[in-house]
Structures are given as structure tokens and as C-alpha cells.
Amino acid sequence: MRLELRVCKHCFEGEHGNEQKTAVTQDMVACARQVREYKDLVGLDGVYVTMVEEGDPGGAEALNVIVASIEGDQVALSDTQLVMEDGDGNMLVYPEPKDILQVLTRNLNQIQEQTRQDVGVELSPEGKAIVS
């Protein structure tokens, strides 16, 4: 199984001026990086974190799936999503930050059960509110 977290680089760096979105984006990245560090303990083949910038056509690094929606008369590509590919090539896509954080924190909980090391990530108040 492989995971790829894609996030807006500008949100991650706080350039959009939305502190809540920046905090949640940073939480997602911190969780994904921690999962990547211990991926072998839960049978993951790869964990990728991709920073998407304006103009990127979806920003896929490893898993070529792009989420889109219709906003008014325009197609809008999702710059934040978690893509999972299982061993059979089936893809699961999570475009909502709440779902992304829940999947990543569940993976961290599974990893915690496999090691004596503390693999937890200190979530922001915004991130804690989302997963609680």
C-alpha cells in the first residue's frame, strides 16, 4: 500500500493568511512525515508528501489521481488530498482535511502499537478539534 499526501505549499507556509488552514495543513504534513518514518511497521510500501503550487496540474508525485469539483461554471482541482493505493491498484482519495487527519492519526496509532518509541505528533488546537 502507498500513500500520498498533497497539500498547498502556500497554505503550509502560511502565505494565504488563513491561520486555521495553515495549522491543519502543518498537522497533516507532520503526521504524514511521521507515518513515512515508521511505514514498515504497518506494511506501507511508500509514503509521499507533495507540496502543490499554483499552476501545478494536480501535483501528483507518485499516485496519479486528481480530485476535481465544479464551482459555479469552473472545474476546480483539489490542492489538498490524501491518496491511498492498495496492493490491487485500487485507489482511495480523501479530499477533506478531517478525513485526512483521521486516516493519518489512525496510522500513527497502529504504529504506536508496534513500537516502544513515542511516534505521536502534537497537533495544533485546530487539528485536535478536527480529530476529536
Protein backbone atom coordinates (compact mmCIF):
# COMPACT_ATOMS: atom_id res chain seq x y z
CA MET A 1 0.00 0.00 0.00
CA ARG A 2 1.18 3.52 -0.79
CA LEU A 3 0.01 6.91 0.49
CA GLU A 4 0.47 10.34 -0.98
CA LEU A 5 -0.48 13.50 0.85
CA ARG A 6 -0.79 16.55 -1.35
CA VAL A 7 -1.09 19.98 0.22
CA CYS A 8 -0.93 23.56 -0.96
CA LYS A 9 2.60 24.81 -0.35
CA HIS A 10 1.28 28.33 0.25
CA CYS A 11 -1.19 27.12 2.91
CA PHE A 12 1.59 25.12 4.58
CA GLU A 13 3.84 28.16 4.70
CA GLY A 14 1.04 30.48 5.88
CA GLU A 15 1.08 32.67 2.79
CA HIS A 16 -2.71 32.71 2.33
CA GLY A 17 -3.33 34.38 5.68
CA ASN A 18 -5.69 31.67 6.97
CA GLU A 19 -4.10 30.64 10.28
CA GLN A 20 -6.53 27.78 10.88
CA LYS A 21 -5.90 26.24 7.46
CA THR A 22 -2.15 26.68 7.92
CA ALA A 23 -2.25 24.90 11.29
CA VAL A 24 -4.28 21.97 9.94
CA THR A 25 -2.08 21.70 6.84
CA GLN A 26 1.04 21.64 9.00
CA ASP A 27 -0.57 18.97 11.20
CA MET A 28 -1.32 16.81 8.17
CA VAL A 29 2.26 17.12 6.90
CA ALA A 30 3.74 16.37 10.33
CA CYS A 31 1.58 13.25 10.65
CA ALA A 32 2.40 12.04 7.13
CA ARG A 33 6.13 12.55 7.69
CA GLN A 34 5.93 10.59 10.94
CA VAL A 35 4.00 7.79 9.23
CA ARG A 36 6.67 7.75 6.50
CA GLU A 37 9.38 7.39 9.14
CA TYR A 38 7.78 4.20 10.50
CA LYS A 39 5.94 2.94 7.40
CA ASP A 40 7.50 -0.52 7.53
CA LEU A 41 5.85 -1.24 10.88
CA VAL A 42 2.38 -1.05 9.31
CA GLY A 43 3.19 -2.57 5.92
CA LEU A 44 3.26 0.58 3.81
CA ASP A 45 5.45 0.49 0.71
CA GLY A 46 5.74 4.24 0.35
CA VAL A 47 4.52 7.50 1.87
CA TYR A 48 4.91 10.67 -0.16
CA VAL A 49 4.34 14.28 0.83
CA THR A 50 3.89 16.61 -2.12
CA MET A 51 3.70 20.37 -1.92
CA VAL A 52 1.44 21.68 -4.69
CA GLU A 53 1.92 25.20 -6.02
CA GLU A 54 -0.46 27.29 -8.06
CA GLY A 55 -0.44 26.10 -11.65
CA ASP A 56 0.57 22.52 -10.86
CA PRO A 57 -1.63 20.17 -12.86
CA GLY A 58 -2.68 18.16 -9.82
CA GLY A 59 0.77 17.89 -8.31
CA ALA A 60 0.98 14.09 -8.23
CA GLU A 61 4.39 12.77 -7.26
CA ALA A 62 3.68 9.07 -7.06
CA LEU A 63 -0.05 8.33 -7.33
CA ASN A 64 -1.60 9.88 -10.39
CA VAL A 65 -5.10 10.66 -9.15
CA ILE A 66 -6.57 14.14 -9.17
CA VAL A 67 -9.70 15.27 -7.34
CA ALA A 68 -11.83 17.92 -9.01
CA SER A 69 -15.11 19.62 -8.28
CA ILE A 70 -17.39 22.03 -10.08
CA GLU A 71 -17.55 25.52 -8.58
CA GLY A 72 -20.01 27.66 -10.49
CA ASP A 73 -19.11 27.09 -14.13
CA GLN A 74 -15.47 26.21 -13.45
CA VAL A 75 -13.66 22.96 -12.73
CA ALA A 76 -11.57 23.32 -9.59
CA LEU A 77 -8.72 20.92 -8.79
CA SER A 78 -8.26 19.99 -5.14
CA ASP A 79 -4.85 21.03 -3.85
CA THR A 80 -5.26 19.09 -0.60
CA GLN A 81 -5.91 15.37 -0.68
CA LEU A 82 -4.68 12.03 0.61
CA VAL A 83 -4.46 9.29 -1.99
CA MET A 84 -4.07 5.64 -1.00
CA GLU A 85 -3.31 2.78 -3.34
CA ASP A 86 -3.74 -0.79 -2.11
CA GLY A 87 -1.88 -3.85 -3.35
CA ASP A 88 -4.51 -4.48 -6.04
CA GLY A 89 -4.16 -0.99 -7.52
CA ASN A 90 -7.42 0.31 -6.06
CA MET A 91 -7.32 3.99 -5.19
CA LEU A 92 -8.97 5.73 -2.25
CA VAL A 93 -8.98 9.52 -2.24
CA TYR A 94 -9.68 11.68 0.79
CA PRO A 95 -10.11 15.37 -0.14
CA GLU A 96 -11.42 16.61 3.23
CA PRO A 97 -8.90 17.70 5.90
CA LYS A 98 -10.96 15.99 8.64
CA ASP A 99 -10.78 12.64 6.84
CA ILE A 100 -7.09 13.10 6.02
CA LEU A 101 -6.16 13.80 9.64
CA GLN A 102 -8.24 10.87 10.87
CA VAL A 103 -6.59 8.43 8.44
CA LEU A 104 -3.10 9.68 9.29
CA THR A 105 -3.66 9.65 13.05
CA ARG A 106 -5.10 6.11 12.84
CA ASN A 107 -1.92 5.06 11.05
CA LEU A 108 0.12 6.66 13.83
CA ASN A 109 -1.96 4.78 16.43
CA GLN A 110 -1.25 1.50 14.61
CA ILE A 111 2.46 2.34 14.50
CA GLN A 112 2.43 3.19 18.22
CA GLU A 113 1.16 -0.33 18.92
CA GLN A 114 4.18 -1.78 17.08
CA THR A 115 6.98 0.16 18.78
CA ARG A 116 8.09 1.40 22.18
CA GLN A 117 9.03 4.78 20.74
CA ASP A 118 6.69 7.74 21.01
CA VAL A 119 5.51 8.36 17.45
CA GLY A 120 2.73 10.77 18.32
CA VAL A 121 2.51 14.19 16.73
CA GLU A 122 1.49 17.21 18.79
CA LEU A 123 -1.47 18.55 16.85
CA SER A 124 -2.48 22.19 16.84
CA PRO A 125 -5.70 23.12 18.67
CA GLU A 126 -7.40 23.25 15.25
CA GLY A 127 -6.16 19.76 14.37
CA LYS A 128 -7.19 18.37 17.76
CA ALA A 129 -10.67 19.80 17.28
CA ILE A 130 -10.97 18.09 13.91
CA VAL A 131 -10.00 14.58 15.07
CA SER A 132 -11.83 14.63 18.40
